[in-house]
Amino acid sequence: MLCAISGEAPKEPVISTKSGNVFEKRLIEAYITENGKDPITGEELTLNDLLEVKSPRVVRPRPPTLTSIPSLLTVFQNEWDALALETFTLQQQLTQTRQELSTALYQHDAAVRVIARLIKERDEARDALARLSISGGAPQADGDAMQVDAEVGLSEEVKTVIEETHAKLSAGRKKRAIPEGWVNADAISEFKEVESSESLYPGTKFISVDGSGELALVGGADGVSGIYSVPNNEVITPLKAEDGAITDGLWRGKQPVTASENGVIRVWSEDGSENTALRSHAGAVVALALHPSGDILASVGVDKTWILHDLKTNKVVAQVRSDEDFSSAAFHPDGHLFAAGTTAGNIVIYDTKSLSIAATFPHNPALPVTSLAFNENGFLLATTLRDDSSVYIWNLRKGALQTSVDTGSRVDDAAWDWSGQFLAATGNNGVVVQFYDKKTKGFAELLRRGTQGVAVGWADGASKLLVAAQDGVVRVLGSEA
């Protein structure tokens, strides 16, 4: 009678009432405790299914094969042979595993090299395409191809427009007073959500309010944009085009202008029935900016260029190349400076007339610049960074960072009101409005609401604040009265 597990004569034999096998008691109990099954048949087995076998305790005799030295030598030789065979098998498996690992590492290294080469070729192709568009031009809506390199410079006519606009606006800015009836800080501190639209265009990235404050331009990821009426709380004019997702938009008087990820810029008629397509970028257009004259449109794209368009002729008048990818853009209120934010966290200030770099403001941390907003006083520039909680205020006269305002959560967009007193910022945790005190040069928080959004804009004499969310919902904050 031998144990079914150890193969030896058991000291405390027990028998399974289910399978009839004999086991050493301590071995089968340990096995049942761990597995709960019969080790031979695999059936469910408990300690209660074991029956102790009564047998007299006798001295266990040695196996007959181990009673002599020749028998022991034979056993030792068999054990040695088995150990040698097992070692040989393990060495074979180790050699095979090493070969497989070497092959896998070689294939991985080759794949990494191929990916690096493809990325390099892609960047070179983009660079060549951008340079080709600079020198040869891209097809315009009217069939002309007129691209002007930045080294050539602007025409005298365009320079005259820039100079006259600068002279007019800078002179009037010094004497400009806040209009009578403009909203005050106390009123803004009481702002609440007074209206909310349905989901207009999911994937919304921007909102642009026209001069009247009654219309807002919005667009989404489906390639459709539209004119939203603030008083009616609905889209009154859809703008449909098959250009991919709408990346940015603005107003040229009563004309909406939109940009898309396919590199197409469309200047729409007031009723949205007609449009002029500008195809100047070798890739997506990420941001638009309108010169204060209303006749010059700037666009920045993923092709590392920013372009000036003459909207009277719908032609490109200048194209400037950079070593960094652009992510945002804005004109100075006087039009003599153009600011472009990069994905490396830099703000590059260009002289609009000479197209040369006037200054560069680096952010720390070096995150993509998501928005640029010039204060109407002409001295301050507010910027926001991707996945950052602060709004950074730059002093253009000193050419340095003046202060930063931490909102406590991610900020996606910021906008000044026309008076230059109120700075609104919105993000994933709501909207915040800061009051800028011109005397102390400091900021004080006026409003904090949980109205989430990705873009913000002032309307109707700053008496309303429009917040666009990524799901396409436009919410209006204002006084309940």
Protein backbone atom coordinates (compact mmCIF):
# COMPACT_ATOMS: atom_id res chain seq x y z
CA MET A 1 0.00 0.00 0.00
CA LEU A 2 1.70 3.18 -1.28
CA CYS A 3 0.72 6.86 -1.20
CA ALA A 4 -0.70 8.08 -4.52
CA ILE A 5 1.18 11.39 -4.13
CA SER A 6 4.64 10.43 -2.82
CA GLY A 7 4.78 6.85 -4.03
CA GLU A 8 6.04 5.71 -0.64
CA ALA A 9 4.48 3.68 2.14
CA PRO A 10 2.40 6.12 4.21
CA LYS A 11 2.95 6.51 7.93
CA GLU A 12 -0.65 7.72 8.46
CA PRO A 13 -2.60 6.29 5.56
CA VAL A 14 -6.02 7.68 4.60
CA ILE A 15 -8.26 6.64 1.77
CA SER A 16 -10.55 8.81 -0.40
CA THR A 17 -14.15 7.65 -0.21
CA LYS A 18 -14.72 9.05 -3.71
CA SER A 19 -11.75 7.73 -5.70
CA GLY A 20 -10.49 4.95 -3.43
CA ASN A 21 -6.89 6.20 -3.62
CA VAL A 22 -4.60 5.94 -0.62
CA PHE A 23 -2.64 9.00 0.56
CA GLU A 24 -0.27 10.15 3.25
CA LYS A 25 -2.52 12.11 5.61
CA ARG A 26 -0.33 15.21 5.93
CA LEU A 27 0.21 15.41 2.17
CA ILE A 28 -3.43 15.05 1.13
CA GLU A 29 -4.62 17.47 3.81
CA ALA A 30 -2.18 20.12 2.60
CA TYR A 31 -3.26 19.53 -0.99
CA ILE A 32 -6.98 19.73 -0.16
CA THR A 33 -6.45 22.90 1.88
CA GLU A 34 -4.76 24.57 -1.09
CA ASN A 35 -6.75 23.16 -4.05
CA GLY A 36 -9.91 21.50 -2.70
CA LYS A 37 -9.63 18.66 -5.24
CA ASP A 38 -8.46 15.08 -5.53
CA PRO A 39 -4.88 15.20 -6.90
CA ILE A 40 -5.43 12.07 -9.00
CA THR A 41 -8.95 12.42 -10.42
CA GLY A 42 -9.43 16.20 -10.11
CA GLU A 43 -12.81 15.74 -8.40
CA GLU A 44 -13.99 17.99 -5.60
CA LEU A 45 -12.64 16.63 -2.32
CA THR A 46 -12.93 17.74 1.30
CA LEU A 47 -11.31 16.58 4.53
CA ASN A 48 -14.55 14.87 5.47
CA ASP A 49 -14.19 12.61 2.42
CA LEU A 50 -11.03 11.06 3.84
CA LEU A 51 -11.22 7.81 5.78
CA GLU A 52 -8.35 6.90 8.07
CA VAL A 53 -6.91 3.41 7.54
CA LYS A 54 -5.94 1.52 10.67
CA SER A 55 -2.63 -0.30 10.24
CA PRO A 56 0.03 -1.50 12.69
CA ARG A 57 3.11 0.70 12.91
CA VAL A 58 6.07 -1.30 11.67
CA VAL A 59 9.54 -0.32 10.56
CA ARG A 60 9.40 0.51 6.87
CA PRO A 61 11.70 -1.83 4.99
CA ARG A 62 14.12 -0.45 2.46
CA PRO A 63 13.31 -0.95 -1.16
CA PRO A 64 14.93 -4.15 -2.37
CA THR A 65 16.86 -2.22 -5.02
CA LEU A 66 18.74 -0.11 -2.44
CA THR A 67 20.09 -2.90 -0.29
CA SER A 68 23.52 -3.16 -1.94
CA ILE A 69 26.32 -0.86 -3.13
CA PRO A 70 25.94 -1.85 -6.82
CA SER A 71 22.24 -1.00 -6.59
CA LEU A 72 23.03 2.39 -5.04
CA LEU A 73 25.63 3.13 -7.74
CA THR A 74 23.06 2.29 -10.37
CA VAL A 75 20.54 4.67 -8.81
CA PHE A 76 23.17 7.41 -8.59
CA GLN A 77 24.13 6.85 -12.23
CA ASN A 78 20.49 7.08 -13.34
CA GLU A 79 20.01 10.27 -11.36
CA TRP A 80 23.18 11.77 -12.87
CA ASP A 81 22.09 10.84 -16.38
CA ALA A 82 18.68 12.46 -15.82
CA LEU A 83 20.31 15.60 -14.40
CA ALA A 84 22.73 15.82 -17.34
CA LEU A 85 19.89 15.40 -19.81
CA GLU A 86 17.84 18.09 -18.08
CA THR A 87 20.81 20.50 -18.07
CA PHE A 88 21.39 19.88 -21.77
CA THR A 89 17.71 20.58 -22.50
CA LEU A 90 17.82 23.81 -20.48
CA GLN A 91 20.94 24.94 -22.36
CA GLN A 92 19.19 24.31 -25.67
CA GLN A 93 16.14 26.31 -24.58
CA LEU A 94 18.36 29.17 -23.30
CA THR A 95 20.24 29.33 -26.61
CA GLN A 96 16.97 29.37 -28.55
CA THR A 97 15.54 32.11 -26.30
CA ARG A 98 18.66 34.24 -26.76
CA GLN A 99 18.38 33.90 -30.53
CA GLU A 100 14.72 34.89 -30.46
CA LEU A 101 15.48 37.87 -28.22
CA SER A 102 18.34 38.96 -30.49
CA THR A 103 16.03 38.78 -33.52
CA ALA A 104 13.30 40.76 -31.72
CA LEU A 105 15.79 43.44 -30.65
CA TYR A 106 17.13 43.71 -34.19
CA GLN A 107 13.61 44.07 -35.59
CA HIS A 108 12.77 46.71 -32.96
CA ASP A 109 15.93 48.66 -33.76
CA ALA A 110 15.14 48.46 -37.47
CA ALA A 111 11.57 49.66 -36.86
CA VAL A 112 12.83 52.61 -34.79
CA ARG A 113 15.26 53.55 -37.57
CA VAL A 114 12.51 53.35 -40.20
CA ILE A 115 10.18 55.50 -38.10
CA ALA A 116 12.92 58.07 -37.52
CA ARG A 117 13.68 58.17 -41.24
CA LEU A 118 10.00 58.58 -42.13
CA ILE A 119 9.59 61.39 -39.61
CA LYS A 120 12.66 63.11 -41.06
CA GLU A 121 11.35 62.70 -44.61
CA ARG A 122 7.95 64.02 -43.53
CA ASP A 123 9.51 67.12 -41.95
CA GLU A 124 11.69 67.66 -45.02
CA ALA A 125 8.65 67.31 -47.27
CA ARG A 126 6.71 69.83 -45.20
CA ASP A 127 9.65 72.18 -45.27
CA ALA A 128 10.04 71.82 -49.03
CA LEU A 129 6.30 72.30 -49.56
CA ALA A 130 6.29 75.41 -47.39
CA ARG A 131 9.26 76.84 -49.26
CA LEU A 132 7.61 75.98 -52.55
CA SER A 133 4.45 77.81 -51.51
CA ILE A 134 6.57 80.80 -50.51
CA SER A 135 8.44 81.02 -53.80
CA GLY A 136 5.87 79.69 -56.24
CA GLY A 137 2.59 80.54 -54.64
CA ALA A 138 -0.59 78.61 -53.91
CA PRO A 139 -3.78 78.76 -55.99
CA GLN A 140 -6.12 81.54 -54.97
CA ALA A 141 -9.86 81.71 -55.31
CA ASP A 142 -9.66 83.77 -58.48
CA GLY A 143 -7.03 81.51 -60.03
CA ASP A 144 -4.07 83.84 -59.47
CA ALA A 145 -0.91 82.70 -57.72
CA MET A 146 0.72 85.62 -55.99
CA GLN A 147 2.90 84.69 -53.05
CA VAL A 148 5.43 87.23 -51.85
CA ASP A 149 8.45 86.18 -49.82
CA ALA A 150 9.06 88.03 -46.57
CA GLU A 151 12.49 89.09 -47.82
CA VAL A 152 10.86 91.07 -50.62
CA GLY A 153 8.80 93.13 -48.20
CA LEU A 154 5.34 94.65 -48.42
CA SER A 155 4.21 96.89 -51.22
CA GLU A 156 4.13 100.62 -50.62
CA GLU A 157 0.34 100.58 -50.77
CA VAL A 158 0.07 98.05 -47.94
CA LYS A 159 2.70 99.89 -45.90
CA THR A 160 0.71 103.09 -46.28
CA VAL A 161 -2.41 101.39 -44.94
CA ILE A 162 -0.48 100.10 -41.92
CA GLU A 163 1.14 103.48 -41.22
CA GLU A 164 -2.10 105.45 -41.54
CA THR A 165 -4.02 103.01 -39.33
CA HIS A 166 -1.30 103.13 -36.69
CA ALA A 167 -1.15 106.92 -36.70
CA LYS A 168 -4.91 107.27 -36.45
CA LEU A 169 -5.52 104.70 -33.73
CA SER A 170 -2.50 105.48 -31.56
CA ALA A 171 -3.37 109.19 -31.49
CA GLY A 172 -6.98 108.54 -30.57
CA ARG A 173 -6.11 105.90 -27.98
CA LYS A 174 -4.40 108.41 -25.66
CA LYS A 175 -7.51 110.59 -25.48
CA ARG A 176 -10.06 107.79 -25.48
CA ALA A 177 -12.47 107.70 -22.54
CA ILE A 178 -14.68 104.87 -21.35
CA PRO A 179 -18.11 105.30 -22.98
CA GLU A 180 -20.98 106.44 -20.82
CA GLY A 181 -23.08 103.57 -19.57
CA TRP A 182 -20.25 101.05 -19.84
CA VAL A 183 -20.67 98.20 -17.38
CA ASN A 184 -18.89 98.65 -14.05
CA ALA A 185 -17.12 96.24 -11.74
CA ASP A 186 -20.06 95.91 -9.34
CA ALA A 187 -22.35 94.80 -12.16
CA ILE A 188 -19.87 92.22 -13.43
CA SER A 189 -19.45 90.76 -9.95
CA GLU A 190 -23.18 89.92 -10.03
CA PHE A 191 -23.08 88.17 -13.43
CA LYS A 192 -24.99 84.92 -13.64
CA GLU A 193 -25.81 82.50 -16.43
CA VAL A 194 -28.87 84.05 -18.07
CA GLU A 195 -29.09 81.96 -21.23
CA SER A 196 -27.80 78.71 -22.68
CA SER A 197 -28.10 77.42 -26.23
CA GLU A 198 -28.48 73.88 -27.43
CA SER A 199 -25.39 72.07 -28.71
CA LEU A 200 -24.66 74.03 -31.90
CA TYR A 201 -21.37 72.71 -33.25
CA PRO A 202 -19.62 69.97 -31.21
CA GLY A 203 -15.85 70.35 -31.25
CA THR A 204 -16.01 74.14 -30.93
CA LYS A 205 -12.62 75.82 -30.43
CA PHE A 206 -13.48 79.52 -30.68
CA ILE A 207 -16.13 82.20 -30.42
CA SER A 208 -15.96 85.63 -32.06
CA VAL A 209 -18.40 88.44 -31.26
CA ASP A 210 -19.10 91.14 -33.85
CA GLY A 211 -19.01 94.88 -33.20
CA SER A 212 -22.72 95.11 -32.41
CA GLY A 213 -22.46 92.49 -29.70
CA GLU A 214 -25.55 90.72 -30.99
CA LEU A 215 -23.91 88.16 -33.28
CA ALA A 216 -21.29 85.52 -32.53
CA LEU A 217 -19.39 83.29 -34.93
CA VAL A 218 -18.90 79.66 -33.87
CA GLY A 219 -17.83 76.48 -35.63
CA GLY A 220 -17.15 72.84 -34.92
CA ALA A 221 -15.33 69.66 -35.84
CA ASP A 222 -17.84 68.70 -38.54
CA GLY A 223 -16.68 71.52 -40.82
CA VAL A 224 -19.80 73.63 -40.32
CA SER A 225 -19.86 77.07 -38.74
CA GLY A 226 -22.66 79.51 -38.17
CA ILE A 227 -23.76 82.94 -37.00
CA TYR A 228 -25.33 82.76 -33.57
CA SER A 229 -27.84 85.45 -32.57
CA VAL A 230 -27.40 86.39 -28.92
CA PRO A 231 -30.89 87.97 -28.49
CA ASN A 232 -32.63 85.05 -30.26
CA ASN A 233 -30.42 82.34 -28.74
CA GLU A 234 -30.17 80.44 -32.02
CA VAL A 235 -28.10 80.07 -35.19
CA ILE A 236 -29.60 82.36 -37.81
CA THR A 237 -27.12 81.74 -40.64
CA PRO A 238 -25.33 78.41 -41.12
CA LEU A 239 -22.04 78.49 -43.04
CA LYS A 240 -21.41 75.14 -44.70
CA ALA A 241 -18.17 74.11 -46.38
CA GLU A 242 -16.34 70.83 -46.85
CA ASP A 243 -13.00 71.96 -45.48
CA GLY A 244 -12.66 69.81 -42.38
CA ALA A 245 -12.90 71.00 -38.79
CA ILE A 246 -13.21 74.76 -38.24
CA THR A 247 -10.14 75.89 -36.31
CA ASP A 248 -10.76 79.65 -35.92
CA GLY A 249 -12.99 82.50 -37.01
CA LEU A 250 -13.45 86.25 -36.77
CA TRP A 251 -15.48 89.17 -38.11
CA ARG A 252 -14.56 91.62 -40.84
CA GLY A 253 -17.28 94.13 -40.14
CA LYS A 254 -20.40 92.11 -40.88
CA GLN A 255 -18.53 89.48 -42.87
CA PRO A 256 -17.60 86.24 -41.09
CA VAL A 257 -14.20 84.71 -41.84
CA THR A 258 -13.39 81.08 -41.01
CA ALA A 259 -10.31 78.85 -41.16
CA SER A 260 -10.13 75.07 -41.37
CA GLU A 261 -7.79 72.17 -40.72
CA ASN A 262 -7.51 71.62 -44.49
CA GLY A 263 -5.78 74.98 -44.88
CA VAL A 264 -8.73 76.81 -46.44
CA ILE A 265 -9.72 80.32 -45.30
CA ARG A 266 -13.19 81.47 -46.33
CA VAL A 267 -14.41 85.06 -46.36
CA TRP A 268 -18.22 84.87 -46.33
CA SER A 269 -20.81 87.36 -47.46
CA GLU A 270 -23.02 88.91 -44.76
CA ASP A 271 -25.88 86.50 -45.46
CA GLY A 272 -23.55 83.51 -45.83
CA SER A 273 -24.70 82.76 -49.38
CA GLU A 274 -21.30 83.30 -51.01
CA ASN A 275 -17.68 83.00 -49.97
CA THR A 276 -14.17 83.51 -51.24
CA ALA A 277 -11.70 80.71 -50.56
CA LEU A 278 -8.05 81.49 -49.82
CA ARG A 279 -5.68 78.54 -50.08
CA SER A 280 -2.25 79.75 -49.08
CA HIS A 281 -1.06 77.34 -46.38
CA ALA A 282 0.52 73.93 -46.89
CA GLY A 283 -1.47 72.40 -44.05
CA ALA A 284 -3.98 73.36 -41.39
CA VAL A 285 -4.62 76.97 -40.44
CA VAL A 286 -4.52 77.21 -36.64
CA ALA A 287 -5.37 80.89 -36.04
CA LEU A 288 -6.57 84.10 -37.71
CA ALA A 289 -6.07 87.77 -36.88
CA LEU A 290 -7.59 90.83 -38.57
CA HIS A 291 -5.63 94.05 -38.92
CA PRO A 292 -7.45 97.09 -37.45
CA SER A 293 -7.76 98.54 -40.98
CA GLY A 294 -10.08 95.63 -41.81
CA ASP A 295 -8.33 95.02 -45.14
CA ILE A 296 -5.41 92.82 -44.05
CA LEU A 297 -5.90 89.31 -42.71
CA ALA A 298 -3.13 87.36 -41.00
CA SER A 299 -3.14 83.59 -40.68
CA VAL A 300 -0.74 81.15 -39.05
CA GLY A 301 -0.45 77.49 -39.97
CA VAL A 302 1.22 74.22 -39.14
CA ASP A 303 3.56 74.81 -42.09
CA LYS A 304 5.53 77.19 -39.82
CA THR A 305 4.50 80.27 -41.77
CA TRP A 306 2.32 83.30 -41.17
CA ILE A 307 0.72 85.00 -44.13
CA LEU A 308 -0.75 88.44 -44.78
CA HIS A 309 -3.73 88.54 -47.16
CA ASP A 310 -5.10 91.63 -48.87
CA LEU A 311 -8.85 91.14 -48.53
CA LYS A 312 -9.56 93.74 -51.21
CA THR A 313 -7.84 91.66 -53.86
CA ASN A 314 -7.91 88.29 -52.04
CA LYS A 315 -4.21 87.87 -52.66
CA VAL A 316 -1.22 87.13 -50.47
CA VAL A 317 1.03 90.13 -49.89
CA ALA A 318 3.62 88.53 -47.60
CA GLN A 319 4.58 85.18 -46.18
CA VAL A 320 7.01 84.79 -43.30
CA ARG A 321 8.63 81.54 -42.29
CA SER A 322 9.63 80.45 -38.78
CA ASP A 323 11.57 77.58 -37.23
CA GLU A 324 8.77 76.91 -34.73
CA ASP A 325 5.20 75.70 -35.08
CA PHE A 326 2.60 78.40 -34.55
CA SER A 327 -0.43 77.94 -32.30
CA SER A 328 -2.09 81.39 -31.95
CA ALA A 329 -2.05 84.92 -33.39
CA ALA A 330 -3.23 88.49 -32.72
CA PHE A 331 -2.73 92.03 -34.03
CA HIS A 332 -1.89 94.93 -31.76
CA PRO A 333 -4.88 97.33 -31.45
CA ASP A 334 -2.90 99.90 -33.50
CA GLY A 335 -1.93 97.34 -36.13
CA HIS A 336 1.81 98.08 -36.16
CA LEU A 337 2.67 94.84 -34.32
CA PHE A 338 1.70 91.25 -34.99
CA ALA A 339 2.06 88.60 -32.27
CA ALA A 340 2.31 84.88 -32.93
CA GLY A 341 2.34 82.22 -30.22
CA THR A 342 4.30 79.02 -30.78
CA THR A 343 4.02 75.45 -29.53
CA ALA A 344 7.38 75.94 -27.80
CA GLY A 345 5.87 78.54 -25.47
CA ASN A 346 7.30 81.63 -27.17
CA ILE A 347 5.54 84.82 -28.22
CA VAL A 348 7.16 86.30 -31.29
CA ILE A 349 6.35 89.98 -31.87
CA TYR A 350 6.77 91.09 -35.50
CA ASP A 351 6.86 94.59 -36.93
CA THR A 352 3.93 94.47 -39.35
CA LYS A 353 5.46 96.89 -41.82
CA SER A 354 8.99 95.47 -42.01
CA LEU A 355 7.98 91.86 -41.20
CA SER A 356 11.00 91.62 -38.90
CA ILE A 357 11.06 90.28 -35.34
CA ALA A 358 10.72 93.11 -32.83
CA ALA A 359 10.79 91.02 -29.65
CA THR A 360 10.42 87.50 -28.31
CA PHE A 361 8.79 86.64 -24.97
CA PRO A 362 9.51 83.12 -23.68
CA HIS A 363 7.14 81.38 -21.28
CA ASN A 364 8.16 79.24 -18.37
CA PRO A 365 6.83 76.52 -18.51
CA ALA A 366 7.40 76.14 -22.26
CA LEU A 367 3.91 75.00 -23.22
CA PRO A 368 1.96 75.80 -26.43
CA VAL A 369 0.44 79.28 -26.39
CA THR A 370 -3.31 78.79 -26.78
CA SER A 371 -4.47 82.42 -26.90
CA LEU A 372 -3.21 85.98 -27.24
CA ALA A 373 -5.23 89.04 -26.21
CA PHE A 374 -3.98 92.63 -26.46
CA ASN A 375 -5.38 95.12 -23.98
CA GLU A 376 -7.00 98.09 -25.69
CA ASN A 377 -4.62 100.42 -23.85
CA GLY A 378 -1.95 99.10 -26.21
CA PHE A 379 0.56 98.28 -23.47
CA LEU A 380 -0.48 94.87 -22.11
CA LEU A 381 -0.71 91.44 -23.69
CA ALA A 382 -2.51 88.53 -21.99
CA THR A 383 -1.54 84.97 -22.91
CA THR A 384 -2.61 81.48 -21.90
CA LEU A 385 -0.83 78.14 -22.18
CA ARG A 386 -2.13 74.65 -22.80
CA ASP A 387 -2.85 72.70 -19.59
CA ASP A 388 -1.75 75.68 -17.45
CA SER A 389 -3.81 77.49 -14.80
CA SER A 390 -2.38 81.01 -15.16
CA VAL A 391 -3.00 84.01 -17.36
CA TYR A 392 0.30 85.76 -18.13
CA ILE A 393 0.38 89.55 -18.50
CA TRP A 394 3.23 91.00 -20.58
CA ASN A 395 4.21 94.66 -20.58
CA LEU A 396 5.09 95.68 -24.13
CA ARG A 397 6.84 98.89 -23.09
CA LYS A 398 9.19 97.05 -20.73
CA GLY A 399 9.37 93.96 -22.91
CA ALA A 400 8.96 91.65 -19.93
CA LEU A 401 6.42 89.69 -17.92
CA GLN A 402 4.54 92.06 -15.63
CA THR A 403 2.54 89.53 -13.63
CA SER A 404 0.64 86.27 -13.83
CA VAL A 405 -2.82 85.53 -12.47
CA ASP A 406 -3.41 81.97 -11.26
CA THR A 407 -7.05 80.94 -11.71
CA GLY A 408 -6.67 77.63 -9.90
CA SER A 409 -7.60 75.45 -12.88
CA ARG A 410 -6.77 74.99 -16.54
CA VAL A 411 -7.26 78.08 -18.73
CA ASP A 412 -8.04 77.69 -22.44
CA ASP A 413 -8.80 81.26 -23.52
CA ALA A 414 -8.68 84.84 -22.28
CA ALA A 415 -10.19 88.10 -23.58
CA TRP A 416 -10.10 91.79 -22.59
CA ASP A 417 -13.14 94.00 -22.87
CA TRP A 418 -12.95 97.14 -25.05
CA SER A 419 -12.34 99.43 -22.08
CA GLY A 420 -9.28 97.42 -21.03
CA GLN A 421 -10.53 97.07 -17.45
CA PHE A 422 -11.84 93.52 -17.38
CA LEU A 423 -10.03 90.32 -18.31
CA ALA A 424 -12.12 87.16 -18.68
CA ALA A 425 -10.59 83.68 -18.69
CA THR A 426 -12.33 80.35 -19.18
CA GLY A 427 -11.35 76.70 -18.89
CA ASN A 428 -12.37 73.29 -17.64
CA ASN A 429 -13.40 74.54 -14.20
CA GLY A 430 -15.41 77.64 -15.15
CA VAL A 431 -14.98 81.31 -16.00
CA VAL A 432 -13.11 83.98 -14.04
CA VAL A 433 -13.16 87.78 -14.53
CA GLN A 434 -10.30 89.92 -13.23
CA PHE A 435 -10.38 93.71 -12.79
CA TYR A 436 -7.25 95.59 -13.85
CA ASP A 437 -6.50 98.66 -11.77
CA LYS A 438 -4.52 101.11 -13.92
CA LYS A 439 -3.23 102.99 -10.89
CA THR A 440 -1.84 100.07 -8.92
CA LYS A 441 -1.12 97.92 -12.00
CA GLY A 442 -2.69 95.03 -10.11
CA PHE A 443 -5.56 92.60 -10.60
CA ALA A 444 -8.54 91.78 -8.40
CA GLU A 445 -10.99 88.94 -8.96
CA LEU A 446 -14.55 90.12 -9.64
CA LEU A 447 -16.33 86.98 -10.71
CA ARG A 448 -15.96 83.21 -10.59
CA ARG A 449 -18.63 80.96 -12.05
CA GLY A 450 -18.65 77.25 -12.86
CA THR A 451 -19.46 77.87 -16.53
CA GLN A 452 -16.98 75.67 -18.36
CA GLY A 453 -15.73 76.66 -21.80
CA VAL A 454 -12.92 76.68 -24.33
CA ALA A 455 -13.45 80.22 -25.65
CA VAL A 456 -14.80 83.49 -24.26
CA GLY A 457 -15.86 86.86 -25.68
CA TRP A 458 -17.39 90.14 -24.48
CA ALA A 459 -20.61 91.51 -25.98
CA ASP A 460 -22.88 94.53 -25.80
CA GLY A 461 -20.64 96.99 -23.94
CA ALA A 462 -19.25 94.24 -21.71
CA SER A 463 -22.73 93.78 -20.24
CA LYS A 464 -22.66 90.17 -21.44
CA LEU A 465 -20.00 87.50 -21.45
CA LEU A 466 -20.29 84.69 -23.99
CA VAL A 467 -18.68 81.35 -23.17
CA ALA A 468 -18.44 78.58 -25.79
CA ALA A 469 -17.95 75.00 -24.60
CA GLN A 470 -16.32 72.17 -26.51
CA ASP A 471 -19.65 70.37 -26.79
CA GLY A 472 -20.97 73.29 -28.88
CA VAL A 473 -23.12 74.94 -26.19
CA VAL A 474 -22.95 78.75 -25.95
CA ARG A 475 -23.75 80.23 -22.55
CA VAL A 476 -24.44 83.89 -21.84
CA LEU A 477 -23.48 85.46 -18.53
CA GLY A 478 -24.94 88.81 -17.51
CA SER A 479 -27.19 90.62 -15.12
CA GLU A 480 -30.60 89.09 -14.59
CA ALA A 481 -32.19 92.51 -14.85
